Amino acid sequence: MSIKSKNIYVKALCGLFFLPFAVSAQLSWINMDAQFPGLPASVHVFYSEASLNGRPNKAWYLEADLKDRKLLFEADTVYKRRVTPAAFFERNDHPIAVVNGTFFSFTENRNLNLVIQKGRLLAYNVQSLPGRGKDTFLYHKMTRSAIGISKKRQADVAWLYTDTAITFPVAFENDPISIKDSVAAFHIEKYSSAKGASKAGIRKRWKMQTAIGGGPVLVQNGTMRITNDQERMFTGKAQNDLHPRTAMGYTSNGKLIILVVEGRNAGKAEGASLPELANIFLSLGAVEALNLDGGGSSCLLVQGKETIKPSDKEGQRAVPAVFMIKNKH
């Protein structure tokens, strides 16, 4: 198979979207399909080791056609325990792709983000966090983001409210809800007229067949929009920290993109910031994208093979949930 390359240049103006500095990247992508025999014609894998803003870099992305009816897009989660992506690969009859997704509690082995499989809500978003410092006696309430795929094979990224008492998540497509007060519980009906809720726009039931959550949002309506402060994730300057990254997005022509960036590998791959991650998605034509759990959790398996090198010295980190692409048998 011939090797194709994609030369991509992305530039964000200094100060745009409230970023503290200009972010630019020039990445050349090489088609790596030949390394993963048996890939469907609608799935492609690309690799880049071009420097990222002058730093050593290793990144991979998988592109899958959502319209291909021979592909299944699914999630899987385990209860009160964690297993490696390789173990998810084995227990799911060897999917085409397995990628880590949700953030989680190390002490409880519990998902901290939404998981939907076959239309069923299996895990829920964290809704409220206690304040710190001058906000010690207050609580931050927020909607966190997820990417979902409907029965009609249409992808969507939205900010979501979840509750064990409701069947479907409540989605906000315009803005996330971010409210601070002295009440610990977050019941959406009590805050329907609050400033943060009214700004978020029309809410709807989010009827997805498959979905996995994380955050923050990176791209909305084809432009960079990083809602880390509103989602209470990587707040303030932490969005510029360099880490291994996992993220997902989709294009206007129905291509799902799964991106991983290797990091914490001194002299070989130093990771990416959230603005850099957003810029990569924009260069790939994404209209919406979000960050997923990164760091030592970042891992993408294609046909059971690792792409990036996991940053934990033990290898693949055990996680409670993954997103998968399967062949329809």
Protein backbone atom coordinates (compact mmCIF):
# COMPACT_ATOMS: atom_id res chain seq x y z
CA MET A 1 0.00 0.00 0.00
CA SER A 2 1.33 3.41 -0.90
CA ILE A 3 2.06 5.84 1.91
CA LYS A 4 0.06 9.05 1.89
CA SER A 5 0.82 12.13 3.89
CA LYS A 6 -1.26 15.04 5.00
CA ASN A 7 0.48 18.37 5.51
CA ILE A 8 -1.47 20.48 7.89
CA TYR A 9 -0.93 23.97 9.18
CA VAL A 10 -2.98 25.59 11.90
CA LYS A 11 -2.57 28.97 13.53
CA ALA A 12 -4.53 30.66 16.30
CA LEU A 13 -4.19 34.41 16.78
CA CYS A 14 -2.79 35.61 20.07
CA GLY A 15 -5.61 36.33 22.52
CA LEU A 16 -8.26 34.60 20.44
CA PHE A 17 -10.77 32.73 22.62
CA PHE A 18 -8.98 34.18 25.66
CA LEU A 19 -5.82 32.12 25.15
CA PRO A 20 -2.78 33.64 26.86
CA PHE A 21 -0.46 33.12 23.90
CA ALA A 22 -0.47 32.20 20.24
CA VAL A 23 -0.52 28.50 19.46
CA SER A 24 0.67 27.18 16.12
CA ALA A 25 1.49 23.73 14.87
CA GLN A 26 2.66 22.14 11.64
CA LEU A 27 2.02 18.43 11.54
CA SER A 28 2.64 15.99 8.72
CA TRP A 29 0.50 12.87 8.94
CA ILE A 30 1.51 9.54 7.42
CA ASN A 31 -1.06 6.87 6.58
CA MET A 32 -0.31 3.77 8.66
CA ASP A 33 -3.09 1.43 7.49
CA ALA A 34 -0.56 -1.16 6.32
CA GLN A 35 0.58 -1.71 9.93
CA PHE A 36 -2.91 -2.86 10.91
CA PRO A 37 -3.95 -5.64 8.50
CA GLY A 38 -7.67 -6.23 8.15
CA LEU A 39 -8.83 -2.64 8.61
CA PRO A 40 -12.16 -1.92 6.89
CA ALA A 41 -11.94 0.41 3.88
CA SER A 42 -13.84 3.06 5.88
CA VAL A 43 -11.24 3.19 8.70
CA HIS A 44 -7.82 4.83 8.38
CA VAL A 45 -4.96 5.38 10.82
CA PHE A 46 -2.43 8.22 10.68
CA TYR A 47 0.78 8.96 12.57
CA SER A 48 2.89 12.09 13.08
CA GLU A 49 6.24 12.68 14.73
CA ALA A 50 6.57 16.24 13.44
CA SER A 51 7.52 18.63 16.23
CA LEU A 52 4.68 20.33 18.06
CA ASN A 53 5.55 23.98 18.67
CA GLY A 54 9.24 23.04 18.62
CA ARG A 55 8.88 20.06 20.97
CA PRO A 56 9.33 16.34 20.21
CA ASN A 57 6.00 14.81 19.42
CA LYS A 58 4.30 11.50 18.67
CA ALA A 59 0.61 11.49 17.80
CA TRP A 60 -1.86 9.10 16.20
CA TYR A 61 -5.39 9.49 14.99
CA LEU A 62 -7.98 7.08 13.68
CA GLU A 63 -10.66 8.20 11.23
CA ALA A 64 -13.84 6.14 10.81
CA ASP A 65 -16.84 6.75 8.55
CA LEU A 66 -19.96 7.01 10.70
CA LYS A 67 -22.12 6.20 7.68
CA ASP A 68 -20.57 2.75 7.20
CA ARG A 69 -23.28 0.35 8.37
CA LYS A 70 -20.71 -2.41 8.74
CA LEU A 71 -19.16 -0.56 11.68
CA LEU A 72 -20.49 -0.59 15.22
CA PHE A 73 -19.70 2.22 17.66
CA GLU A 74 -19.99 1.02 21.24
CA ALA A 75 -18.89 1.66 24.82
CA ASP A 76 -18.09 -0.77 27.59
CA THR A 77 -17.72 -0.31 31.32
CA VAL A 78 -17.03 -2.48 34.34
CA TYR A 79 -18.58 -2.06 37.78
CA LYS A 80 -16.46 -1.02 40.78
CA ARG A 81 -13.27 -2.21 39.14
CA ARG A 82 -10.89 -1.29 36.35
CA VAL A 83 -9.23 -3.29 33.59
CA THR A 84 -6.69 -2.41 30.90
CA PRO A 85 -7.69 -1.50 27.33
CA ALA A 86 -6.09 -4.81 26.30
CA ALA A 87 -8.49 -6.63 28.64
CA PHE A 88 -11.44 -4.71 27.14
CA PHE A 89 -10.14 -5.80 23.72
CA GLU A 90 -10.27 -9.45 24.76
CA ARG A 91 -13.65 -9.30 26.47
CA ASN A 92 -15.25 -7.63 23.45
CA ASP A 93 -14.16 -10.14 20.79
CA HIS A 94 -11.26 -8.08 19.42
CA PRO A 95 -12.71 -4.75 18.25
CA ILE A 96 -11.09 -2.70 15.49
CA ALA A 97 -10.30 0.07 17.98
CA VAL A 98 -10.34 0.48 21.77
CA VAL A 99 -9.66 3.86 23.40
CA ASN A 100 -9.84 5.03 27.00
CA GLY A 101 -12.54 7.56 27.83
CA THR A 102 -13.93 8.70 31.17
CA PHE A 103 -12.15 10.24 34.12
CA PHE A 104 -12.53 8.11 37.24
CA SER A 105 -12.03 7.76 40.97
CA PHE A 106 -8.92 5.76 41.88
CA THR A 107 -10.28 4.96 45.34
CA GLU A 108 -13.73 3.77 44.22
CA ASN A 109 -12.88 2.62 40.67
CA ARG A 110 -15.91 4.62 39.58
CA ASN A 111 -16.59 6.57 36.38
CA LEU A 112 -16.86 10.32 36.92
CA ASN A 113 -18.42 10.87 33.49
CA LEU A 114 -21.35 9.61 31.50
CA VAL A 115 -21.32 6.28 29.66
CA ILE A 116 -24.17 5.20 27.35
CA GLN A 117 -24.30 1.79 25.68
CA LYS A 118 -27.21 0.59 23.51
CA GLY A 119 -29.23 3.59 24.61
CA ARG A 120 -28.82 2.86 28.33
CA LEU A 121 -27.22 5.31 30.74
CA LEU A 122 -24.66 3.23 32.64
CA ALA A 123 -22.56 5.94 34.35
CA TYR A 124 -23.23 9.52 35.38
CA ASN A 125 -21.46 12.87 35.37
CA VAL A 126 -20.21 14.49 38.54
CA GLN A 127 -22.70 17.31 39.15
CA SER A 128 -21.27 19.31 42.05
CA LEU A 129 -17.87 20.01 43.59
CA PRO A 130 -17.05 21.74 46.89
CA GLY A 131 -15.31 25.08 46.58
CA ARG A 132 -11.79 25.88 47.74
CA GLY A 133 -10.04 28.86 49.26
CA LYS A 134 -12.43 31.80 49.44
CA ASP A 135 -15.19 29.51 48.10
CA THR A 136 -14.84 26.95 50.91
CA PHE A 137 -18.51 27.19 51.89
CA LEU A 138 -19.83 27.15 48.34
CA TYR A 139 -20.46 24.47 45.72
CA HIS A 140 -19.75 24.56 42.01
CA LYS A 141 -22.49 22.98 39.89
CA MET A 142 -21.69 22.23 36.27
CA THR A 143 -22.64 20.29 33.19
CA ARG A 144 -19.77 18.29 31.74
CA SER A 145 -19.30 17.25 28.14
CA ALA A 146 -19.58 13.99 26.22
CA ILE A 147 -19.56 12.77 22.64
CA GLY A 148 -22.44 10.61 21.47
CA ILE A 149 -23.57 8.76 18.36
CA SER A 150 -27.29 8.40 17.62
CA LYS A 151 -29.18 5.54 15.96
CA LYS A 152 -29.00 7.57 12.75
CA ARG A 153 -25.20 7.54 13.09
CA GLN A 154 -24.96 11.25 13.74
CA ALA A 155 -22.34 12.43 16.23
CA ASP A 156 -22.82 15.23 18.74
CA VAL A 157 -20.81 16.90 21.51
CA ALA A 158 -22.88 18.51 24.25
CA TRP A 159 -22.80 19.60 27.89
CA LEU A 160 -24.95 17.25 29.91
CA TYR A 161 -26.91 16.99 33.12
CA THR A 162 -27.41 13.44 34.34
CA ASP A 163 -29.42 12.04 37.21
CA THR A 164 -30.34 8.51 38.31
CA ALA A 165 -33.98 9.61 38.37
CA ILE A 166 -34.13 10.40 34.63
CA THR A 167 -33.76 8.02 31.70
CA PHE A 168 -31.98 10.35 29.29
CA PRO A 169 -29.34 13.03 29.94
CA VAL A 170 -30.41 16.64 29.55
CA ALA A 171 -28.25 18.27 26.85
CA PHE A 172 -27.26 21.91 26.45
CA GLU A 173 -25.84 22.64 23.00
CA ASN A 174 -24.97 26.35 23.28
CA ASP A 175 -23.18 26.74 26.61
CA PRO A 176 -22.38 24.71 29.72
CA ILE A 177 -24.13 25.47 32.98
CA SER A 178 -21.81 26.80 35.65
CA ILE A 179 -23.41 27.89 38.93
CA LYS A 180 -21.95 28.60 42.35
CA ASP A 181 -24.01 28.69 45.55
CA SER A 182 -24.24 27.26 49.06
CA VAL A 183 -26.40 24.24 48.17
CA ALA A 184 -24.60 20.94 47.59
CA ALA A 185 -27.28 19.18 45.54
CA PHE A 186 -27.83 20.02 41.86
CA HIS A 187 -31.39 19.50 40.61
CA ILE A 188 -31.81 20.94 37.14
CA GLU A 189 -35.44 21.98 37.63
CA LYS A 190 -34.51 24.26 40.53
CA TYR A 191 -32.00 26.09 38.36
CA SER A 192 -33.95 26.36 35.10
CA SER A 193 -34.16 30.17 35.39
CA ALA A 194 -30.71 30.74 36.87
CA LYS A 195 -28.22 32.87 34.95
CA GLY A 196 -25.99 29.94 34.08
CA ALA A 197 -28.92 27.80 32.97
CA SER A 198 -30.70 30.42 30.87
CA LYS A 199 -27.48 31.24 29.01
CA ALA A 200 -27.03 27.58 28.11
CA GLY A 201 -30.04 27.84 25.79
CA ILE A 202 -32.70 25.32 24.92
CA ARG A 203 -32.27 22.00 26.62
CA LYS A 204 -33.29 18.67 25.15
CA ARG A 205 -33.27 14.98 25.92
CA TRP A 206 -30.04 13.53 24.58
CA LYS A 207 -31.09 10.25 22.98
CA MET A 208 -27.82 8.65 21.99
CA GLN A 209 -27.17 5.02 21.20
CA THR A 210 -23.55 5.22 22.39
CA ALA A 211 -21.71 7.93 24.29
CA ILE A 212 -18.70 8.52 26.49
CA GLY A 213 -17.94 11.56 28.60
CA GLY A 214 -14.88 13.53 29.60
CA GLY A 215 -14.14 17.22 29.17
CA PRO A 216 -13.60 19.95 28.54
CA VAL A 217 -14.99 20.78 25.10
CA LEU A 218 -12.22 21.83 22.70
CA VAL A 219 -14.03 22.76 19.48
CA GLN A 220 -17.57 23.99 18.91
CA ASN A 221 -19.11 25.01 15.58
CA GLY A 222 -15.76 24.69 13.84
CA THR A 223 -13.94 27.12 16.15
CA MET A 224 -11.75 26.67 19.20
CA ARG A 225 -13.75 26.90 22.39
CA ILE A 226 -12.21 25.41 25.52
CA THR A 227 -14.72 25.33 28.39
CA ASN A 228 -12.33 24.11 31.07
CA ASP A 229 -13.31 26.76 33.65
CA GLN A 230 -17.06 26.20 33.21
CA GLU A 231 -16.69 22.41 33.42
CA ARG A 232 -14.31 22.76 36.40
CA MET A 233 -11.59 20.75 34.65
CA PHE A 234 -7.98 21.95 34.15
CA THR A 235 -9.07 25.38 35.33
CA GLY A 236 -7.11 28.55 34.64
CA LYS A 237 -3.58 28.15 33.30
CA ALA A 238 -3.72 24.37 33.77
CA GLN A 239 -5.12 24.14 30.24
CA ASN A 240 -1.60 24.92 29.01
CA ASP A 241 0.07 22.06 30.88
CA LEU A 242 1.63 19.35 28.71
CA HIS A 243 0.31 15.81 29.16
CA PRO A 244 -0.45 12.66 27.20
CA ARG A 245 -3.88 13.25 25.68
CA THR A 246 -6.91 11.35 24.45
CA ALA A 247 -9.68 13.19 22.59
CA MET A 248 -12.50 12.64 20.13
CA GLY A 249 -14.32 14.73 17.55
CA TYR A 250 -16.11 14.56 14.24
CA THR A 251 -16.22 16.33 10.88
CA SER A 252 -19.10 17.82 8.91
CA ASN A 253 -18.97 14.94 6.43
CA GLY A 254 -19.50 12.30 9.09
CA LYS A 255 -15.98 11.16 9.97
CA LEU A 256 -15.29 10.25 13.59
CA ILE A 257 -11.78 11.17 14.78
CA ILE A 258 -10.03 9.53 17.73
CA LEU A 259 -6.78 11.30 18.62
CA VAL A 260 -4.04 10.35 21.07
CA VAL A 261 -0.85 12.27 21.82
CA GLU A 262 2.05 10.58 23.59
CA GLY A 263 3.63 12.41 26.51
CA ARG A 264 5.91 12.23 29.57
CA ASN A 265 8.48 10.52 27.37
CA ALA A 266 11.51 12.79 27.79
CA GLY A 267 13.21 13.78 24.55
CA LYS A 268 10.77 11.78 22.42
CA ALA A 269 7.25 12.97 23.15
CA GLU A 270 6.33 15.65 25.66
CA GLY A 271 2.55 15.76 25.26
CA ALA A 272 0.17 18.56 24.30
CA SER A 273 -1.79 21.37 25.89
CA LEU A 274 -5.55 21.72 25.46
CA PRO A 275 -5.18 24.62 22.96
CA GLU A 276 -2.73 22.54 20.93
CA LEU A 277 -5.14 19.61 21.00
CA ALA A 278 -7.96 21.86 19.77
CA ASN A 279 -5.79 23.18 16.96
CA ILE A 280 -5.00 19.67 15.77
CA PHE A 281 -8.72 18.91 15.56
CA LEU A 282 -9.36 22.11 13.63
CA SER A 283 -6.61 21.16 11.19
CA LEU A 284 -8.36 17.83 10.64
CA GLY A 285 -11.64 19.55 9.83
CA ALA A 286 -13.48 18.82 13.08
CA VAL A 287 -16.64 20.80 13.80
CA GLU A 288 -16.85 19.58 17.40
CA ALA A 289 -14.36 17.86 19.71
CA LEU A 290 -13.72 17.22 23.38
CA ASN A 291 -10.91 16.12 25.63
CA LEU A 292 -11.10 12.76 27.40
CA ASP A 293 -9.06 11.33 30.27
CA GLY A 294 -5.35 11.68 29.54
CA GLY A 295 -2.10 11.26 31.40
CA GLY A 296 -1.31 7.66 32.24
CA SER A 297 -4.76 6.59 31.04
CA SER A 298 -4.17 7.60 27.40
CA CYS A 299 -4.18 4.52 25.19
CA LEU A 300 -5.47 3.70 21.72
CA LEU A 301 -5.43 0.12 20.47
CA VAL A 302 -5.95 -0.59 16.77
CA GLN A 303 -6.44 -4.25 15.91
CA GLY A 304 -5.15 -4.93 19.41
CA LYS A 305 -1.85 -3.08 18.85
CA GLU A 306 -0.76 -0.08 20.90
CA THR A 307 -0.25 3.21 19.09
CA ILE A 308 1.22 5.68 21.59
CA LYS A 309 3.36 4.37 24.43
CA PRO A 310 1.40 4.64 27.73
CA SER A 311 3.19 6.93 30.17
CA ASP A 312 2.81 4.73 33.27
CA LYS A 313 5.96 2.67 33.81
CA GLU A 314 3.78 -0.41 34.32
CA GLY A 315 2.27 0.04 30.84
CA GLN A 316 -1.45 0.31 30.14
CA ARG A 317 -3.40 1.79 33.02
CA ALA A 318 -6.55 -0.03 34.09
CA VAL A 319 -9.67 2.08 33.40
CA PRO A 320 -13.39 1.60 34.09
CA ALA A 321 -14.71 2.44 30.61
CA VAL A 322 -13.69 2.53 26.95
CA PHE A 323 -15.07 3.51 23.55
CA MET A 324 -14.83 0.93 20.76
CA ILE A 325 -15.26 0.47 17.03
CA LYS A 326 -16.28 -3.01 15.93
CA ASN A 327 -16.95 -4.93 12.75
CA LYS A 328 -20.62 -5.82 12.46
CA HIS A 329 -20.82 -9.61 12.38
